[in-house]
């Protein structure tokens, strides 16, 4: 199953705001405004980062992206799903559907204009759900070891008989060694309502997928399968032979920010050439 990213030890000093939902839940977030213009007004997309399973928004990829966006003048948003980081709720009570709803909620309330979604691991699944729900505003996607369908393919299908039995009888499985996050049967069952790799994915925005070939959590073939399923033709998969699941080494972060800049410029150029858009 996908690894959670180590939590930044400086998180206690991390500045963030909270957004309240009508059900009483609160979602912690941090954002920076657009500070530069490129092309016609409204063309320069903002950037939304979607973290991984059990990760919070203080990780190195989110931090590197925020720095790059501030330097380049792009609006940037990062946040914690419910049950993660500084947001409310218990992790084991939440599902892919819940986290996708969190992402759409902050997308609608904290961003405007076109946006690029960047999803890391599970965030790559969430970004597909958000993009399908808000097609008109999603200008592009970047997946980092994207893990769509992982609850079925990487947890349930690989689970031992004992783990499946525990999930079926008790509704939740907890790693006796404490090395893995708790897994609920509700997570597995809800995940089945959001599977993507078994059929076409009706998204035609530009997509960039980065994946390490030494990823022991999510097979790199997941990204090539995802590329095949996407309806659009502007899809590029970059495989990093020495890369692991996190892709957080300095060279990986540099590649990520370069990928973002190139995608932004491509979107801006295409928009400038299409006045009707």
Protein backbone atom coordinates (compact mmCIF):
# COMPACT_ATOMS: atom_id res chain seq x y z
CA UNK A 1 0.00 0.00 0.00
CA UNK A 2 1.20 3.57 -0.52
CA UNK A 3 3.58 4.91 2.11
CA UNK A 4 2.68 7.91 4.13
CA UNK A 5 5.27 10.68 3.99
CA UNK A 6 7.15 11.40 7.21
CA UNK A 7 5.60 14.34 9.03
CA UNK A 8 7.74 17.47 9.15
CA UNK A 9 9.08 17.90 12.70
CA UNK A 10 8.61 21.67 12.37
CA UNK A 11 4.87 21.22 11.85
CA UNK A 12 4.09 22.75 15.26
CA UNK A 13 5.29 26.10 13.94
CA UNK A 14 3.56 25.71 10.59
CA UNK A 15 1.21 28.63 9.84
CA UNK A 16 -2.20 27.64 8.51
CA UNK A 17 -5.85 28.67 8.44
CA UNK A 18 -9.00 26.60 8.88
CA UNK A 19 -12.12 26.36 6.75
CA UNK A 20 -15.34 25.20 8.43
CA UNK A 21 -17.88 23.00 6.68
CA UNK A 22 -21.61 22.95 7.38
CA UNK A 23 -21.27 19.57 9.12
CA UNK A 24 -18.89 21.06 11.69
CA UNK A 25 -15.69 19.60 10.24
CA UNK A 26 -12.72 21.89 9.77
CA UNK A 27 -10.10 21.66 7.05
CA UNK A 28 -6.67 23.18 7.63
CA UNK A 29 -5.08 24.90 4.68
CA UNK A 30 -2.37 27.26 3.59
CA UNK A 31 -2.45 29.34 0.42
CA UNK A 32 -0.58 32.09 -1.33
CA UNK A 33 -2.06 34.50 -3.83
CA UNK A 34 -1.08 35.04 -7.43
CA UNK A 35 1.57 37.77 -7.57
CA UNK A 36 2.44 37.96 -11.27
CA UNK A 37 0.61 38.01 -14.58
CA UNK A 38 1.33 36.11 -17.74
CA UNK A 39 -0.66 36.51 -20.92
CA UNK A 40 -4.28 37.59 -20.75
CA UNK A 41 -5.94 38.04 -17.32
CA UNK A 42 -7.33 34.79 -15.97
CA UNK A 43 -5.06 32.61 -18.09
CA UNK A 44 -2.29 31.93 -15.57
CA UNK A 45 -3.47 28.86 -13.63
CA UNK A 46 -3.23 28.41 -9.90
CA UNK A 47 -1.82 25.24 -8.32
CA UNK A 48 -3.46 22.89 -5.82
CA UNK A 49 -1.42 20.19 -4.07
CA UNK A 50 -3.14 16.96 -3.01
CA UNK A 51 -1.21 14.88 -0.51
CA UNK A 52 -0.91 11.17 0.06
CA UNK A 53 -2.47 8.54 2.31
CA UNK A 54 -1.81 9.57 5.92
CA UNK A 55 0.40 12.50 4.89
CA UNK A 56 -0.06 16.09 5.93
CA UNK A 57 0.59 19.33 4.07
CA UNK A 58 4.00 20.02 5.62
CA UNK A 59 5.91 17.58 3.40
CA UNK A 60 8.89 18.43 1.24
CA UNK A 61 7.04 18.27 -2.10
CA UNK A 62 4.32 20.66 -0.94
CA UNK A 63 6.95 23.01 0.50
CA UNK A 64 9.06 22.97 -2.67
CA UNK A 65 6.00 23.64 -4.80
CA UNK A 66 4.90 26.53 -2.60
CA UNK A 67 8.34 28.12 -2.85
CA UNK A 68 8.35 27.72 -6.63
CA UNK A 69 4.83 29.11 -6.96
CA UNK A 70 5.67 32.14 -4.83
CA UNK A 71 8.77 32.79 -6.94
CA UNK A 72 6.89 32.39 -10.21
CA UNK A 73 3.78 34.25 -9.08
CA UNK A 74 1.32 31.34 -9.25
CA UNK A 75 -1.46 31.07 -6.69
CA UNK A 76 -0.88 27.98 -4.53
CA UNK A 77 -3.03 25.95 -2.15
CA UNK A 78 -2.17 23.02 0.09
CA UNK A 79 -4.43 21.49 2.74
CA UNK A 80 -4.99 18.53 5.05
CA UNK A 81 -7.80 16.08 4.34
CA UNK A 82 -10.09 15.37 7.27
CA UNK A 83 -8.44 12.86 9.58
CA UNK A 84 -5.03 14.18 8.51
CA UNK A 85 -2.67 16.78 9.96
CA UNK A 86 -4.39 19.79 11.47
CA UNK A 87 -7.86 19.03 10.06
CA UNK A 88 -10.59 17.56 12.22
CA UNK A 89 -11.78 13.96 12.26
CA UNK A 90 -10.34 10.50 12.79
CA UNK A 91 -8.29 8.97 10.00
CA UNK A 92 -9.88 5.51 10.22
CA UNK A 93 -13.38 6.97 9.84
CA UNK A 94 -12.62 8.48 6.43
CA UNK A 95 -12.63 7.17 2.88
CA UNK A 96 -11.58 8.05 -0.67
CA UNK A 97 -15.02 9.56 -1.22
CA UNK A 98 -14.71 11.68 1.93
CA UNK A 99 -11.25 12.95 0.99
CA UNK A 100 -12.42 13.69 -2.55
CA UNK A 101 -15.28 15.74 -1.11
CA UNK A 102 -12.76 17.62 1.06
CA UNK A 103 -10.72 18.41 -2.04
CA UNK A 104 -13.72 19.63 -4.06
CA UNK A 105 -14.85 21.72 -1.06
CA UNK A 106 -11.55 23.60 -0.77
CA UNK A 107 -11.22 23.80 -4.57
CA UNK A 108 -14.60 25.55 -4.80
CA UNK A 109 -14.08 27.90 -1.89
CA UNK A 110 -10.39 28.72 -1.94
CA UNK A 111 -9.48 28.89 -5.64
CA UNK A 112 -10.69 30.77 -8.68
CA UNK A 113 -9.98 30.51 -12.37
CA UNK A 114 -8.10 27.63 -14.01
CA UNK A 115 -6.11 25.32 -11.75
CA UNK A 116 -3.40 22.68 -12.06
CA UNK A 117 -3.89 19.78 -9.67
CA UNK A 118 -0.78 18.02 -8.37
CA UNK A 119 -1.46 14.70 -6.67
CA UNK A 120 1.08 12.65 -4.75
CA UNK A 121 0.38 8.92 -4.34
CA UNK A 122 -3.25 8.73 -3.11
CA UNK A 123 -3.47 12.40 -4.10
CA UNK A 124 -3.14 11.21 -7.69
CA UNK A 125 -6.43 9.35 -7.25
CA UNK A 126 -8.07 12.32 -5.54
CA UNK A 127 -6.95 14.66 -8.35
CA UNK A 128 -8.76 12.48 -10.90
CA UNK A 129 -11.96 12.67 -8.86
CA UNK A 130 -11.69 16.45 -8.53
CA UNK A 131 -10.86 16.90 -12.21
CA UNK A 132 -13.86 14.83 -13.26
CA UNK A 133 -16.10 16.85 -10.94
CA UNK A 134 -14.75 20.24 -12.09
CA UNK A 135 -13.64 19.69 -15.67
CA UNK A 136 -14.20 23.29 -16.77
CA UNK A 137 -11.74 24.68 -14.24
CA UNK A 138 -8.98 22.07 -14.28
CA UNK A 139 -6.28 23.15 -16.70
CA UNK A 140 -3.82 20.33 -16.13
CA UNK A 141 -2.73 17.47 -13.88
CA UNK A 142 0.60 16.31 -12.46
CA UNK A 143 0.78 12.93 -10.78
CA UNK A 144 3.66 11.96 -8.49
CA UNK A 145 3.64 8.17 -8.07
CA UNK A 146 -0.11 8.41 -8.65
CA UNK A 147 -2.03 5.61 -6.93
CA UNK A 148 -5.58 5.38 -8.29
CA UNK A 149 -7.48 2.26 -7.18
CA UNK A 150 -4.88 1.41 -4.51
CA UNK A 151 -7.44 0.33 -1.89
CA UNK A 152 -8.50 -2.49 -4.19
CA UNK A 153 -5.29 -3.38 -6.02
CA UNK A 154 -2.65 -2.73 -3.37
CA UNK A 155 -4.55 -3.40 -0.16
CA UNK A 156 -7.48 -5.77 -0.64
CA UNK A 157 -6.03 -7.92 -3.43
CA UNK A 158 -2.70 -8.23 -1.61
CA UNK A 159 -4.15 -8.71 1.87
CA UNK A 160 -3.53 -11.93 3.72
CA UNK A 161 -6.45 -14.21 4.55
CA UNK A 162 -6.09 -13.18 8.19
CA UNK A 163 -6.28 -9.48 7.33
CA UNK A 164 -9.34 -9.98 5.14
CA UNK A 165 -11.00 -12.01 7.87
CA UNK A 166 -10.34 -9.27 10.44
CA UNK A 167 -11.69 -6.60 8.11
CA UNK A 168 -14.80 -8.63 7.37
CA UNK A 169 -15.53 -9.50 11.01
CA UNK A 170 -14.42 -6.37 12.84
CA UNK A 171 -14.61 -3.70 10.15
CA UNK A 172 -11.08 -2.48 10.79
CA UNK A 173 -7.55 -3.87 10.68
CA UNK A 174 -4.71 -2.46 12.74
CA UNK A 175 -1.12 -3.42 12.10
CA UNK A 176 0.08 -5.24 15.24
CA UNK A 177 3.55 -3.73 14.68
CA UNK A 178 2.16 -0.23 14.28
CA UNK A 179 4.08 0.25 11.03
CA UNK A 180 1.01 0.75 8.83
CA UNK A 181 -2.04 2.93 9.11
CA UNK A 182 -5.36 1.41 10.20
CA UNK A 183 -7.47 0.10 7.32
CA UNK A 184 -11.26 0.01 7.51
CA UNK A 185 -13.65 -2.14 5.52
CA UNK A 186 -15.52 1.07 4.80
CA UNK A 187 -12.37 2.40 3.07
CA UNK A 188 -12.21 -0.71 0.88
CA UNK A 189 -15.90 -0.71 0.01
CA UNK A 190 -16.02 3.02 -0.70
CA UNK A 191 -12.89 2.76 -2.85
CA UNK A 192 -14.75 0.40 -5.16
CA UNK A 193 -17.13 3.24 -6.02
CA UNK A 194 -14.25 5.37 -7.30
CA UNK A 195 -12.15 2.95 -9.38
CA UNK A 196 -10.69 4.35 -12.61
CA UNK A 197 -8.21 1.93 -14.14
CA UNK A 198 -10.80 -0.51 -15.46
CA UNK A 199 -12.15 1.83 -18.12
CA UNK A 200 -11.70 5.13 -19.97
CA UNK A 201 -11.15 8.30 -17.94
CA UNK A 202 -12.89 11.18 -19.69
CA UNK A 203 -10.32 13.89 -19.09
CA UNK A 204 -8.60 15.66 -21.98
CA UNK A 205 -6.49 18.25 -20.16
CA UNK A 206 -2.68 17.95 -20.33
CA UNK A 207 -1.31 15.43 -17.83
CA UNK A 208 2.24 14.79 -16.60
CA UNK A 209 2.95 11.63 -14.62
CA UNK A 210 6.20 11.17 -12.67
CA UNK A 211 7.04 7.76 -11.23
CA UNK A 212 10.12 6.13 -9.73
CA UNK A 213 11.04 2.70 -11.05
CA UNK A 214 12.29 1.75 -7.58
CA UNK A 215 8.89 2.48 -6.06
CA UNK A 216 8.09 -0.44 -3.75
CA UNK A 217 4.70 0.95 -2.71
CA UNK A 218 2.99 1.76 -6.03
CA UNK A 219 4.24 -0.04 -9.17
CA UNK A 220 5.44 2.33 -11.86
CA UNK A 221 3.19 0.46 -14.29
CA UNK A 222 0.25 2.15 -12.54
CA UNK A 223 1.24 5.42 -14.21
CA UNK A 224 1.51 3.85 -17.66
CA UNK A 225 -1.89 2.20 -17.18
CA UNK A 226 -3.34 5.54 -16.10
CA UNK A 227 -1.86 7.22 -19.18
CA UNK A 228 -3.53 4.62 -21.40
CA UNK A 229 -6.92 5.21 -19.77
CA UNK A 230 -6.91 9.00 -20.02
CA UNK A 231 -8.93 10.31 -22.97
CA UNK A 232 -6.60 13.20 -23.79
CA UNK A 233 -3.60 12.93 -26.10
CA UNK A 234 -1.31 15.35 -24.22
CA UNK A 235 -0.18 12.84 -21.61
CA UNK A 236 3.50 12.34 -20.75
CA UNK A 237 4.88 9.69 -18.40
CA UNK A 238 8.35 10.26 -16.96
CA UNK A 239 9.99 7.23 -15.34
CA UNK A 240 12.90 7.86 -12.96
CA UNK A 241 15.06 4.75 -12.89
CA UNK A 242 16.56 5.44 -9.46
CA UNK A 243 13.42 7.04 -8.01
CA UNK A 244 11.57 5.69 -4.99
CA UNK A 245 7.95 6.23 -3.98
CA UNK A 246 8.39 9.58 -2.29
CA UNK A 247 10.41 11.28 -5.08
CA UNK A 248 11.58 13.85 -2.54
CA UNK A 249 15.31 13.97 -3.22
CA UNK A 250 16.67 17.35 -4.42
CA UNK A 251 16.82 16.15 -8.02
CA UNK A 252 13.25 14.86 -7.77
CA UNK A 253 11.97 18.16 -6.39
CA UNK A 254 13.82 20.07 -9.12
CA UNK A 255 12.24 17.81 -11.76
CA UNK A 256 8.81 18.39 -10.22
CA UNK A 257 9.08 22.18 -10.22
CA UNK A 258 10.48 22.16 -13.76
CA UNK A 259 7.56 19.98 -14.85
CA UNK A 260 5.14 22.46 -13.28
CA UNK A 261 6.75 25.47 -14.95
CA UNK A 262 6.76 23.78 -18.35
CA UNK A 263 3.11 22.77 -17.97
CA UNK A 264 2.09 26.30 -16.95
CA UNK A 265 3.84 27.80 -19.96
CA UNK A 266 2.22 25.25 -22.26
CA UNK A 267 -1.23 26.09 -20.87
CA UNK A 268 -0.61 29.84 -21.13
CA UNK A 269 0.66 29.54 -24.70
CA UNK A 270 -2.28 27.41 -25.75
CA UNK A 271 -4.74 29.84 -24.15
CA UNK A 272 -3.09 32.79 -25.87
CA UNK A 273 -3.45 31.02 -29.21
CA UNK A 274 -7.15 30.30 -28.57
CA UNK A 275 -8.91 33.64 -27.89
CA UNK A 276 -12.28 31.94 -27.61
CA UNK A 277 -11.25 29.84 -24.61
